[in-house]
Amino acid sequence: MDAITGDQNHVAGQSNDTGDHLSPQKPLSKNAQKKLLKQQRFEAKKAEKKAAIKAAKKLQGEMKRKEWEEKLSKLSEEERLKMIETRKGMRRERMDQRTEERESKALRLSEAKKHGQNVVLDLQFSDLMAPNEIHSLVQQIMYCYAVNGRSTVPCHLWLTGYKGEIENQLQKMPGFDKWIIDKDTGPYITTFETQKEHLVYLTADSETMLSELDPKKIYIVGGLVDRNRWKGITMKKAVDQGIQTAKLPIGNYLKMSSSQVLTVNQVIEILLKFLETKDWKASFFHVIPQRKRCENEAQVSQEEEAEEDEKRDQELKRQCIGT
């Protein structure tokens, strides 16, 4: 489910905005096929585990309801009414707290829309991805919005160039129409036609190292789950369009392992963490998974990290739906 990154990793995109067709996809090498098969097995196992977790939660809910009913059955009418009212009061408190959180989030995002750092997700790549990869990207977009909403210093997110299947999946997402972002089905180069000099495409192949985030700049993140099939494509797109490029300074602060590709939401989270801390090192170490760092620390298995990802994903999904 990898898509983009800075420094040594590849940010994917489309060759240009003129609609020209890219050359046919090259067949995968044997090594690439093995990696793809391994990833597919891992994803299948993750899906099975996710289904098992869902079933366990359902069973746990049923057990809790049964325990509640049994507890009530042992009480007098007066005690039963009192306990029910107490429970209702606790629910109201939780609902009030969530309402307050939603209002606070909406206020932060509205302020970011006026004064925040502009970050664009370039989604003009549906024809380069398989259906499961488009689904993965849509999930990453959802996480981007959720993480941005809970950030103390949110950016102003833009979605550009989304059509076809990716648009269909986004529209099916609960609460998507209420998201506090800007959306444009056209390419960003048209959206920001009068601000072209402020556009900066974040691509691993750039020779320019990003040292700061300029509030006047509009940073573009390529949304492509590419499995390393489209190396260098975002750099070519930026060059063809005559816009600036830059790469995240990952190599200045840590060494990456063989798994060097970051997801769209990880890149967005790095930018958000930097907006908050003004510290690249802290941002990278906060976001980049341990398994992707060459360190002398104990390694976390993919399965263990998948479980942590699942817990985090459920919370992020709740935040998106609750917008």
C-alpha atoms as a PDB file:
ATOM      1  CA  MET A   1       0.000   0.000   0.000  1.00  0.00           C
ATOM      2  CA  ASP A   2       2.912   2.269  -0.586  1.00  0.00           C
ATOM      3  CA  ALA A   3       2.762   5.410  -2.623  1.00  0.00           C
ATOM      4  CA  ILE A   4       5.171   8.290  -2.081  1.00  0.00           C
ATOM      5  CA  THR A   5       8.047   9.595  -0.079  1.00  0.00           C
ATOM      6  CA  GLY A   6      10.860  12.113   0.039  1.00  0.00           C
ATOM      7  CA  ASP A   7      14.671  11.834  -0.255  1.00  0.00           C
ATOM      8  CA  GLN A   8      15.640   8.324  -1.398  1.00  0.00           C
ATOM      9  CA  ASN A   9      12.044   7.205  -1.986  1.00  0.00           C
ATOM     10  CA  HIS A  10       9.831   7.664  -5.021  1.00  0.00           C
ATOM     11  CA  VAL A  11       6.890  10.038  -5.353  1.00  0.00           C
ATOM     12  CA  ALA A  12       4.800   8.965  -8.324  1.00  0.00           C
ATOM     13  CA  GLY A  13       2.706  11.032 -10.675  1.00  0.00           C
ATOM     14  CA  GLN A  14       1.742  11.526 -14.295  1.00  0.00           C
ATOM     15  CA  SER A  15       4.051  12.623 -17.104  1.00  0.00           C
ATOM     16  CA  ASN A  16       2.172  15.840 -17.955  1.00  0.00           C
ATOM     17  CA  ASP A  17      -1.200  17.558 -17.922  1.00  0.00           C
ATOM     18  CA  THR A  18      -1.857  17.415 -21.648  1.00  0.00           C
ATOM     19  CA  GLY A  19      -3.510  13.998 -21.580  1.00  0.00           C
ATOM     20  CA  ASP A  20      -0.677  12.281 -23.441  1.00  0.00           C
ATOM     21  CA  HIS A  21      -0.619   8.531 -22.895  1.00  0.00           C
ATOM     22  CA  LEU A  22       2.288   7.003 -21.067  1.00  0.00           C
ATOM     23  CA  SER A  23       4.301   4.203 -22.596  1.00  0.00           C
ATOM     24  CA  PRO A  24       2.998   0.655 -21.924  1.00  0.00           C
ATOM     25  CA  GLN A  25       3.792  -0.733 -18.504  1.00  0.00           C
ATOM     26  CA  LYS A  26       6.932  -2.858 -18.413  1.00  0.00           C
ATOM     27  CA  PRO A  27       6.502  -6.474 -17.281  1.00  0.00           C
ATOM     28  CA  LEU A  28       7.587  -7.161 -13.710  1.00  0.00           C
ATOM     29  CA  SER A  29      10.914  -8.866 -13.124  1.00  0.00           C
ATOM     30  CA  LYS A  30      10.996 -12.217 -11.295  1.00  0.00           C
ATOM     31  CA  ASN A  31      12.218 -10.461  -8.157  1.00  0.00           C
ATOM     32  CA  ALA A  32       9.422  -7.896  -8.414  1.00  0.00           C
ATOM     33  CA  GLN A  33       6.881 -10.676  -8.951  1.00  0.00           C
ATOM     34  CA  LYS A  34       8.097 -12.427  -5.792  1.00  0.00           C
ATOM     35  CA  LYS A  35       7.805  -9.200  -3.812  1.00  0.00           C
ATOM     36  CA  LEU A  36       4.323  -8.582  -5.183  1.00  0.00           C
ATOM     37  CA  LEU A  37       3.231 -12.133  -4.318  1.00  0.00           C
ATOM     38  CA  LYS A  38       4.642 -11.725  -0.803  1.00  0.00           C
ATOM     39  CA  GLN A  39       2.775  -8.448  -0.390  1.00  0.00           C
ATOM     40  CA  GLN A  40      -0.457 -10.043  -1.644  1.00  0.00           C
ATOM     41  CA  ARG A  41      -0.113 -12.895   0.858  1.00  0.00           C
ATOM     42  CA  PHE A  42       0.505 -10.393   3.644  1.00  0.00           C
ATOM     43  CA  GLU A  43      -2.542  -8.350   2.654  1.00  0.00           C
ATOM     44  CA  ALA A  44      -4.692 -11.495   2.495  1.00  0.00           C
ATOM     45  CA  LYS A  45      -3.518 -12.459   5.977  1.00  0.00           C
ATOM     46  CA  LYS A  46      -4.180  -8.935   7.209  1.00  0.00           C
ATOM     47  CA  ALA A  47      -7.717  -9.092   5.747  1.00  0.00           C
ATOM     48  CA  GLU A  48      -8.355 -12.393   7.551  1.00  0.00           C
ATOM     49  CA  LYS A  49      -7.108 -10.904  10.818  1.00  0.00           C
ATOM     50  CA  LYS A  50      -9.278  -7.838  10.298  1.00  0.00           C
ATOM     51  CA  ALA A  51     -12.346 -10.040   9.772  1.00  0.00           C
ATOM     52  CA  ALA A  52     -11.485 -12.023  12.918  1.00  0.00           C
ATOM     53  CA  ILE A  53     -11.140  -8.798  14.936  1.00  0.00           C
ATOM     54  CA  LYS A  54     -14.519  -7.590  13.638  1.00  0.00           C
ATOM     55  CA  ALA A  55     -16.170 -10.884  14.598  1.00  0.00           C
ATOM     56  CA  ALA A  56     -14.560 -10.758  18.068  1.00  0.00           C
ATOM     57  CA  LYS A  57     -15.842  -7.209  18.611  1.00  0.00           C
ATOM     58  CA  LYS A  58     -19.345  -8.252  17.619  1.00  0.00           C
ATOM     59  CA  LEU A  59     -19.230 -11.165  20.045  1.00  0.00           C
ATOM     60  CA  GLN A  60     -17.877  -8.901  22.785  1.00  0.00           C
ATOM     61  CA  GLY A  61     -20.732  -6.465  22.195  1.00  0.00           C
ATOM     62  CA  GLU A  62     -23.298  -9.231  22.473  1.00  0.00           C
ATOM     63  CA  MET A  63     -21.729 -10.451  25.704  1.00  0.00           C
ATOM     64  CA  LYS A  64     -21.789  -6.942  27.181  1.00  0.00           C
ATOM     65  CA  ARG A  65     -25.452  -6.533  26.328  1.00  0.00           C
ATOM     66  CA  LYS A  66     -26.238  -9.875  27.936  1.00  0.00           C
ATOM     67  CA  GLU A  67     -24.296  -8.931  31.086  1.00  0.00           C
ATOM     68  CA  TRP A  68     -26.148  -5.603  31.244  1.00  0.00           C
ATOM     69  CA  GLU A  69     -29.530  -7.288  30.953  1.00  0.00           C
ATOM     70  CA  GLU A  70     -28.606  -9.835  33.640  1.00  0.00           C
ATOM     71  CA  LYS A  71     -27.434  -7.054  35.968  1.00  0.00           C
ATOM     72  CA  LEU A  72     -30.700  -5.160  35.502  1.00  0.00           C
ATOM     73  CA  SER A  73     -32.788  -8.284  36.109  1.00  0.00           C
ATOM     74  CA  LYS A  74     -31.308  -8.632  39.618  1.00  0.00           C
ATOM     75  CA  LEU A  75     -32.251  -5.106  40.680  1.00  0.00           C
ATOM     76  CA  SER A  76     -35.430  -3.610  42.029  1.00  0.00           C
ATOM     77  CA  GLU A  77     -37.495  -1.357  39.771  1.00  0.00           C
ATOM     78  CA  GLU A  78     -36.169   1.787  41.498  1.00  0.00           C
ATOM     79  CA  GLU A  79     -32.539   0.628  41.290  1.00  0.00           C
ATOM     80  CA  ARG A  80     -33.001  -0.403  37.667  1.00  0.00           C
ATOM     81  CA  LEU A  81     -34.372   2.997  36.641  1.00  0.00           C
ATOM     82  CA  LYS A  82     -31.567   4.761  38.500  1.00  0.00           C
ATOM     83  CA  MET A  83     -28.878   2.669  36.766  1.00  0.00           C
ATOM     84  CA  ILE A  84     -30.451   3.217  33.343  1.00  0.00           C
ATOM     85  CA  GLU A  85     -30.585   6.970  33.933  1.00  0.00           C
ATOM     86  CA  THR A  86     -26.945   6.999  35.096  1.00  0.00           C
ATOM     87  CA  ARG A  87     -25.921   5.183  31.933  1.00  0.00           C
ATOM     88  CA  LYS A  88     -27.889   7.625  29.776  1.00  0.00           C
ATOM     89  CA  GLY A  89     -26.125  10.509  31.530  1.00  0.00           C
ATOM     90  CA  MET A  90     -22.711   9.014  30.754  1.00  0.00           C
ATOM     91  CA  ARG A  91     -23.690   8.607  27.104  1.00  0.00           C
ATOM     92  CA  ARG A  92     -24.822  12.231  26.938  1.00  0.00           C
ATOM     93  CA  GLU A  93     -21.486  13.341  28.352  1.00  0.00           C
ATOM     94  CA  ARG A  94     -19.612  11.333  25.728  1.00  0.00           C
ATOM     95  CA  MET A  95     -21.805  12.729  22.968  1.00  0.00           C
ATOM     96  CA  ASP A  96     -21.285  16.282  24.231  1.00  0.00           C
ATOM     97  CA  GLN A  97     -17.543  15.706  24.316  1.00  0.00           C
ATOM     98  CA  ARG A  98     -17.552  14.389  20.734  1.00  0.00           C
ATOM     99  CA  THR A  99     -19.654  17.345  19.613  1.00  0.00           C
ATOM    100  CA  GLU A 100     -17.152  19.700  21.220  1.00  0.00           C
ATOM    101  CA  GLU A 101     -14.279  17.864  19.508  1.00  0.00           C
ATOM    102  CA  ARG A 102     -16.023  18.105  16.118  1.00  0.00           C
ATOM    103  CA  GLU A 103     -16.657  21.824  16.553  1.00  0.00           C
ATOM    104  CA  SER A 104     -13.043  22.425  17.597  1.00  0.00           C
ATOM    105  CA  LYS A 105     -11.822  20.412  14.610  1.00  0.00           C
ATOM    106  CA  ALA A 106     -14.097  22.319  12.220  1.00  0.00           C
ATOM    107  CA  LEU A 107     -12.811  25.640  13.590  1.00  0.00           C
ATOM    108  CA  ARG A 108      -9.142  24.608  13.160  1.00  0.00           C
ATOM    109  CA  LEU A 109      -9.738  23.382   9.603  1.00  0.00           C
ATOM    110  CA  SER A 110     -11.691  26.516   8.692  1.00  0.00           C
ATOM    111  CA  GLU A 111      -8.838  28.675   9.961  1.00  0.00           C
ATOM    112  CA  ALA A 112      -6.348  26.522   8.033  1.00  0.00           C
ATOM    113  CA  LYS A 113      -8.415  27.046   4.893  1.00  0.00           C
ATOM    114  CA  LYS A 114      -7.904  30.792   5.291  1.00  0.00           C
ATOM    115  CA  HIS A 115      -4.349  30.970   6.611  1.00  0.00           C
ATOM    116  CA  GLY A 116      -2.829  27.469   6.638  1.00  0.00           C
ATOM    117  CA  GLN A 117      -0.163  25.776   4.537  1.00  0.00           C
ATOM    118  CA  ASN A 118      -1.633  24.609   1.220  1.00  0.00           C
ATOM    119  CA  VAL A 119      -0.949  20.936   0.420  1.00  0.00           C
ATOM    120  CA  VAL A 120      -2.314  19.292  -2.720  1.00  0.00           C
ATOM    121  CA  LEU A 121      -2.948  15.583  -3.247  1.00  0.00           C
ATOM    122  CA  ASP A 122      -2.478  14.998  -6.970  1.00  0.00           C
ATOM    123  CA  LEU A 123      -4.892  12.171  -7.830  1.00  0.00           C
ATOM    124  CA  GLN A 124      -4.589  12.180 -11.605  1.00  0.00           C
ATOM    125  CA  PHE A 125      -3.333   8.606 -11.809  1.00  0.00           C
ATOM    126  CA  SER A 126      -6.316   6.237 -11.827  1.00  0.00           C
ATOM    127  CA  ASP A 127      -5.287   4.739 -15.161  1.00  0.00           C
ATOM    128  CA  LEU A 128      -1.968   3.635 -13.626  1.00  0.00           C
ATOM    129  CA  MET A 129      -3.446   1.656 -10.731  1.00  0.00           C
ATOM    130  CA  ALA A 130      -5.283  -1.613 -10.222  1.00  0.00           C
ATOM    131  CA  PRO A 131      -8.657  -1.521  -8.376  1.00  0.00           C
ATOM    132  CA  ASN A 132      -7.110  -2.717  -5.096  1.00  0.00           C
ATOM    133  CA  GLU A 133      -4.452   0.008  -5.348  1.00  0.00           C
ATOM    134  CA  ILE A 134      -7.101   2.680  -5.893  1.00  0.00           C
ATOM    135  CA  HIS A 135      -8.910   1.362  -2.815  1.00  0.00           C
ATOM    136  CA  SER A 136      -5.645   1.581  -0.860  1.00  0.00           C
ATOM    137  CA  LEU A 137      -5.124   5.176  -1.987  1.00  0.00           C
ATOM    138  CA  VAL A 138      -8.677   6.147  -0.980  1.00  0.00           C
ATOM    139  CA  GLN A 139      -8.015   4.741   2.490  1.00  0.00           C
ATOM    140  CA  GLN A 140      -4.798   6.777   2.684  1.00  0.00           C
ATOM    141  CA  ILE A 141      -6.690   9.938   1.694  1.00  0.00           C
ATOM    142  CA  MET A 142      -9.156   9.265   4.498  1.00  0.00           C
ATOM    143  CA  TYR A 143      -6.274   8.957   6.978  1.00  0.00           C
ATOM    144  CA  CYS A 144      -4.765  12.192   5.661  1.00  0.00           C
ATOM    145  CA  TYR A 145      -7.955  14.054   6.433  1.00  0.00           C
ATOM    146  CA  ALA A 146      -8.344  12.462   9.867  1.00  0.00           C
ATOM    147  CA  VAL A 147      -4.738  13.177  10.898  1.00  0.00           C
ATOM    148  CA  ASN A 148      -5.016  16.737   9.584  1.00  0.00           C
ATOM    149  CA  GLY A 149      -8.219  17.263  11.562  1.00  0.00           C
ATOM    150  CA  ARG A 150      -6.663  16.268  14.869  1.00  0.00           C
ATOM    151  CA  SER A 151      -3.415  18.171  14.234  1.00  0.00           C
ATOM    152  CA  THR A 152      -2.741  21.226  16.388  1.00  0.00           C
ATOM    153  CA  VAL A 153      -1.460  23.023  13.265  1.00  0.00           C
ATOM    154  CA  PRO A 154      -3.479  21.614  10.348  1.00  0.00           C
ATOM    155  CA  CYS A 155      -2.743  22.413   6.736  1.00  0.00           C
ATOM    156  CA  HIS A 156      -5.312  23.197   4.069  1.00  0.00           C
ATOM    157  CA  LEU A 157      -5.767  20.076   1.972  1.00  0.00           C
ATOM    158  CA  TRP A 158      -6.703  20.031  -1.702  1.00  0.00           C
ATOM    159  CA  LEU A 159      -7.810  17.037  -3.779  1.00  0.00           C
ATOM    160  CA  THR A 160      -7.225  17.567  -7.494  1.00  0.00           C
ATOM    161  CA  GLY A 161      -7.510  15.432 -10.589  1.00  0.00           C
ATOM    162  CA  TYR A 162      -9.801  12.771  -9.171  1.00  0.00           C
ATOM    163  CA  LYS A 163     -12.189  11.138 -11.630  1.00  0.00           C
ATOM    164  CA  GLY A 164     -13.582   7.734 -12.446  1.00  0.00           C
ATOM    165  CA  GLU A 165     -13.197   4.932  -9.910  1.00  0.00           C
ATOM    166  CA  ILE A 166     -11.280   6.996  -7.361  1.00  0.00           C
ATOM    167  CA  GLU A 167     -14.062   9.609  -7.385  1.00  0.00           C
ATOM    168  CA  ASN A 168     -16.702   6.883  -7.013  1.00  0.00           C
ATOM    169  CA  GLN A 169     -14.948   5.409  -3.975  1.00  0.00           C
ATOM    170  CA  LEU A 170     -14.424   8.809  -2.360  1.00  0.00           C
ATOM    171  CA  GLN A 171     -18.101   9.685  -2.794  1.00  0.00           C
ATOM    172  CA  LYS A 172     -19.094   6.425  -1.072  1.00  0.00           C
ATOM    173  CA  MET A 173     -17.031   7.327   1.976  1.00  0.00           C
ATOM    174  CA  PRO A 174     -19.269   8.356   4.932  1.00  0.00           C
ATOM    175  CA  GLY A 175     -19.021  12.085   5.605  1.00  0.00           C
ATOM    176  CA  PHE A 176     -16.897  12.879   2.531  1.00  0.00           C
ATOM    177  CA  ASP A 177     -19.243  15.636   1.326  1.00  0.00           C
ATOM    178  CA  LYS A 178     -18.801  17.413   4.676  1.00  0.00           C
ATOM    179  CA  TRP A 179     -14.999  17.389   4.646  1.00  0.00           C
ATOM    180  CA  ILE A 180     -13.464  20.832   5.123  1.00  0.00           C
ATOM    181  CA  ILE A 181     -11.112  20.690   2.128  1.00  0.00           C
ATOM    182  CA  ASP A 182     -11.063  21.982  -1.448  1.00  0.00           C
ATOM    183  CA  LYS A 183     -11.849  19.562  -4.271  1.00  0.00           C
ATOM    184  CA  ASP A 184     -11.300  19.883  -7.994  1.00  0.00           C
ATOM    185  CA  THR A 185     -11.701  17.077 -10.501  1.00  0.00           C
ATOM    186  CA  GLY A 186      -9.420  18.958 -12.873  1.00  0.00           C
ATOM    187  CA  PRO A 187      -5.580  18.942 -12.742  1.00  0.00           C
ATOM    188  CA  TYR A 188      -3.834  21.145 -10.172  1.00  0.00           C
ATOM    189  CA  ILE A 189      -1.942  22.961 -12.943  1.00  0.00           C
ATOM    190  CA  THR A 190      -5.316  24.379 -14.027  1.00  0.00           C
ATOM    191  CA  THR A 191      -6.603  24.929 -10.487  1.00  0.00           C
ATOM    192  CA  PHE A 192      -3.526  27.033  -9.648  1.00  0.00           C
ATOM    193  CA  GLU A 193      -3.008  28.494 -13.105  1.00  0.00           C
ATOM    194  CA  THR A 194      -2.399  31.991 -11.707  1.00  0.00           C
ATOM    195  CA  GLN A 195      -0.100  30.697  -8.934  1.00  0.00           C
ATOM    196  CA  LYS A 196       2.201  28.466 -10.951  1.00  0.00           C
ATOM    197  CA  GLU A 197       5.330  30.120  -9.540  1.00  0.00           C
ATOM    198  CA  HIS A 198       4.291  28.963  -6.051  1.00  0.00           C
ATOM    199  CA  LEU A 199       3.824  25.285  -6.944  1.00  0.00           C
ATOM    200  CA  VAL A 200       6.376  22.808  -5.544  1.00  0.00           C
ATOM    201  CA  TYR A 201       6.133  19.102  -6.372  1.00  0.00           C
ATOM    202  CA  LEU A 202       7.563  16.871  -3.635  1.00  0.00           C
ATOM    203  CA  THR A 203       9.517  14.193  -5.459  1.00  0.00           C
ATOM    204  CA  ALA A 204      12.397  11.949  -4.434  1.00  0.00           C
ATOM    205  CA  ASP A 205      14.262  12.684  -7.655  1.00  0.00           C
ATOM    206  CA  SER A 206      14.584  16.418  -7.009  1.00  0.00           C
ATOM    207  CA  GLU A 207      18.036  17.886  -6.372  1.00  0.00           C
ATOM    208  CA  THR A 208      16.528  20.502  -4.051  1.00  0.00           C
ATOM    209  CA  MET A 209      16.394  19.562  -0.375  1.00  0.00           C
ATOM    210  CA  LEU A 210      13.408  20.935   1.497  1.00  0.00           C
ATOM    211  CA  SER A 211      14.668  22.836   4.543  1.00  0.00           C
ATOM    212  CA  GLU A 212      11.538  24.753   5.541  1.00  0.00           C
ATOM    213  CA  LEU A 213       7.871  24.911   4.603  1.00  0.00           C
ATOM    214  CA  ASP A 214       7.164  28.247   2.956  1.00  0.00           C
ATOM    215  CA  PRO A 215       3.595  29.411   3.742  1.00  0.00           C
ATOM    216  CA  LYS A 216       3.460  31.071   0.310  1.00  0.00           C
ATOM    217  CA  LYS A 217       4.217  27.798  -1.474  1.00  0.00           C
ATOM    218  CA  ILE A 218       1.702  25.160  -2.547  1.00  0.00           C
ATOM    219  CA  TYR A 219       3.215  21.709  -1.983  1.00  0.00           C
ATOM    220  CA  ILE A 220       2.032  18.847  -4.188  1.00  0.00           C
ATOM    221  CA  VAL A 221       2.073  15.212  -3.083  1.00  0.00           C
ATOM    222  CA  GLY A 222       1.650  12.563  -5.769  1.00  0.00           C
ATOM    223  CA  GLY A 223      -1.127  10.088  -5.008  1.00  0.00           C
ATOM    224  CA  LEU A 224      -0.060   6.836  -6.622  1.00  0.00           C
ATOM    225  CA  VAL A 225       0.224   3.368  -5.135  1.00  0.00           C
ATOM    226  CA  ASP A 226       2.937   2.404  -7.561  1.00  0.00           C
ATOM    227  CA  ARG A 227       4.797  -0.658  -6.199  1.00  0.00           C
ATOM    228  CA  ASN A 228       7.908   1.081  -7.567  1.00  0.00           C
ATOM    229  CA  ARG A 229       6.628   0.654 -11.132  1.00  0.00           C
ATOM    230  CA  TRP A 230       6.736   4.326 -12.011  1.00  0.00           C
ATOM    231  CA  LYS A 231      10.088   5.586 -10.755  1.00  0.00           C
ATOM    232  CA  GLY A 232      10.917   9.165 -11.687  1.00  0.00           C
ATOM    233  CA  ILE A 233       7.507   9.901 -13.142  1.00  0.00           C
ATOM    234  CA  THR A 234       6.623  12.813 -10.832  1.00  0.00           C
ATOM    235  CA  MET A 235       9.926  14.526 -11.523  1.00  0.00           C
ATOM    236  CA  LYS A 236       9.261  14.273 -15.240  1.00  0.00           C
ATOM    237  CA  LYS A 237       5.779  15.676 -14.751  1.00  0.00           C
ATOM    238  CA  ALA A 238       7.088  18.665 -12.799  1.00  0.00           C
ATOM    239  CA  VAL A 239       9.833  19.337 -15.354  1.00  0.00           C
ATOM    240  CA  ASP A 240       7.366  19.125 -18.247  1.00  0.00           C
ATOM    241  CA  GLN A 241       5.078  21.590 -16.461  1.00  0.00           C
ATOM    242  CA  GLY A 242       7.936  23.930 -15.547  1.00  0.00           C
ATOM    243  CA  ILE A 243       7.244  23.933 -11.812  1.00  0.00           C
ATOM    244  CA  GLN A 244       9.592  23.717  -8.831  1.00  0.00           C
ATOM    245  CA  THR A 245      10.476  20.450  -7.105  1.00  0.00           C
ATOM    246  CA  ALA A 246      11.862  19.468  -3.708  1.00  0.00           C
ATOM    247  CA  LYS A 247      12.468  16.345  -1.634  1.00  0.00           C
ATOM    248  CA  LEU A 248      12.065  15.654   2.053  1.00  0.00           C
ATOM    249  CA  PRO A 249      15.438  15.698   3.884  1.00  0.00           C
ATOM    250  CA  ILE A 250      15.058  12.151   5.231  1.00  0.00           C
ATOM    251  CA  GLY A 251      18.663  11.161   4.483  1.00  0.00           C
ATOM    252  CA  ASN A 252      19.959  13.978   6.681  1.00  0.00           C
ATOM    253  CA  TYR A 253      18.431  12.424   9.788  1.00  0.00           C
ATOM    254  CA  LEU A 254      18.070   8.671   9.361  1.00  0.00           C
ATOM    255  CA  LYS A 255      18.921   5.758   7.113  1.00  0.00           C
ATOM    256  CA  MET A 256      16.144   3.818   5.480  1.00  0.00           C
ATOM    257  CA  SER A 257      16.005   0.035   5.222  1.00  0.00           C
ATOM    258  CA  SER A 258      15.266  -1.844   1.999  1.00  0.00           C
ATOM    259  CA  SER A 259      11.590  -0.899   2.324  1.00  0.00           C
ATOM    260  CA  GLN A 260      11.987   2.726   1.338  1.00  0.00           C
ATOM    261  CA  VAL A 261       8.569   3.804   0.120  1.00  0.00           C
ATOM    262  CA  LEU A 262       6.252   5.865   2.317  1.00  0.00           C
ATOM    263  CA  THR A 263       2.495   6.075   1.954  1.00  0.00           C
ATOM    264  CA  VAL A 264       0.624   9.252   1.072  1.00  0.00           C
ATOM    265  CA  ASN A 265      -0.694   9.654   4.606  1.00  0.00           C
ATOM    266  CA  GLN A 266       2.798   9.198   6.094  1.00  0.00           C
ATOM    267  CA  VAL A 267       4.143  12.050   3.959  1.00  0.00           C
ATOM    268  CA  ILE A 268       1.216  14.281   4.941  1.00  0.00           C
ATOM    269  CA  GLU A 269       1.721  13.394   8.600  1.00  0.00           C
ATOM    270  CA  ILE A 270       5.425  14.268   8.345  1.00  0.00           C
ATOM    271  CA  LEU A 271       4.534  17.687   6.921  1.00  0.00           C
ATOM    272  CA  LEU A 272       1.952  18.228   9.665  1.00  0.00           C
ATOM    273  CA  LYS A 273       4.396  17.218  12.386  1.00  0.00           C
ATOM    274  CA  PHE A 274       6.951  19.648  10.980  1.00  0.00           C
ATOM    275  CA  LEU A 275       4.371  22.455  10.936  1.00  0.00           C
ATOM    276  CA  GLU A 276       3.845  21.738  14.632  1.00  0.00           C
ATOM    277  CA  THR A 277       7.440  21.178  15.778  1.00  0.00           C
ATOM    278  CA  LYS A 278       9.642  22.854  13.111  1.00  0.00           C
ATOM    279  CA  ASP A 279      11.877  19.801  13.623  1.00  0.00           C
ATOM    280  CA  TRP A 280      12.460  17.409  10.697  1.00  0.00           C
ATOM    281  CA  LYS A 281      14.149  14.734  12.794  1.00  0.00           C
ATOM    282  CA  ALA A 282      11.310  14.601  15.292  1.00  0.00           C
ATOM    283  CA  SER A 283       8.830  14.506  12.413  1.00  0.00           C
ATOM    284  CA  PHE A 284      10.538  11.587  10.651  1.00  0.00           C
ATOM    285  CA  PHE A 285      11.017   9.522  13.799  1.00  0.00           C
ATOM    286  CA  HIS A 286       7.425  10.168  14.855  1.00  0.00           C
ATOM    287  CA  VAL A 287       5.951   8.985  11.547  1.00  0.00           C
ATOM    288  CA  ILE A 288       8.283   6.570   9.740  1.00  0.00           C
ATOM    289  CA  PRO A 289       7.688   2.974  10.927  1.00  0.00           C
ATOM    290  CA  GLN A 290      10.563   1.320  12.756  1.00  0.00           C
ATOM    291  CA  ARG A 291      10.693  -1.494  10.209  1.00  0.00           C
ATOM    292  CA  LYS A 292      11.697   1.056   7.551  1.00  0.00           C
ATOM    293  CA  ARG A 293      14.582   2.476   9.591  1.00  0.00           C
ATOM    294  CA  CYS A 294      18.107   1.024   9.787  1.00  0.00           C
ATOM    295  CA  GLU A 295      18.642   1.170  13.530  1.00  0.00           C
ATOM    296  CA  ASN A 296      20.001  -1.058  16.238  1.00  0.00           C
ATOM    297  CA  GLU A 297      16.629  -1.259  17.901  1.00  0.00           C
ATOM    298  CA  ALA A 298      14.563  -4.409  18.157  1.00  0.00           C
ATOM    299  CA  GLN A 299      12.690  -4.899  14.907  1.00  0.00           C
ATOM    300  CA  VAL A 300       8.916  -4.915  14.849  1.00  0.00           C
ATOM    301  CA  SER A 301       7.361  -7.625  12.687  1.00  0.00           C
ATOM    302  CA  GLN A 302       4.940  -6.750   9.906  1.00  0.00           C
ATOM    303  CA  GLU A 303       2.207  -8.661  11.702  1.00  0.00           C
ATOM    304  CA  GLU A 304       2.698  -6.749  14.964  1.00  0.00           C
ATOM    305  CA  GLU A 305       2.729  -3.423  13.186  1.00  0.00           C
ATOM    306  CA  ALA A 306      -0.363  -4.429  11.190  1.00  0.00           C
ATOM    307  CA  GLU A 307      -2.236  -4.894  14.462  1.00  0.00           C
ATOM    308  CA  GLU A 308      -1.204  -1.425  15.627  1.00  0.00           C
ATOM    309  CA  ASP A 309      -2.144   0.000  12.222  1.00  0.00           C
ATOM    310  CA  GLU A 310      -5.577  -1.616  12.497  1.00  0.00           C
ATOM    311  CA  LYS A 311      -6.238   0.010  15.879  1.00  0.00           C
ATOM    312  CA  ARG A 312      -5.109   3.397  14.596  1.00  0.00           C
ATOM    313  CA  ASP A 313      -7.107   3.011  11.373  1.00  0.00           C
ATOM    314  CA  GLN A 314     -10.333   2.360  13.281  1.00  0.00           C
ATOM    315  CA  GLU A 315      -9.855   5.537  15.310  1.00  0.00           C
ATOM    316  CA  LEU A 316      -9.042   7.596  12.209  1.00  0.00           C
ATOM    317  CA  LYS A 317     -12.091   6.200  10.419  1.00  0.00           C
ATOM    318  CA  ARG A 318     -14.282   7.197  13.363  1.00  0.00           C
ATOM    319  CA  GLN A 319     -12.917  10.735  13.180  1.00  0.00           C
ATOM    320  CA  CYS A 320     -13.627  10.976   9.439  1.00  0.00           C
ATOM    321  CA  ILE A 321     -17.199   9.731   9.744  1.00  0.00           C
ATOM    322  CA  GLY A 322     -17.794  12.014  12.717  1.00  0.00           C
ATOM    323  CA  THR A 323     -16.909  15.146  10.739  1.00  0.00           C
END
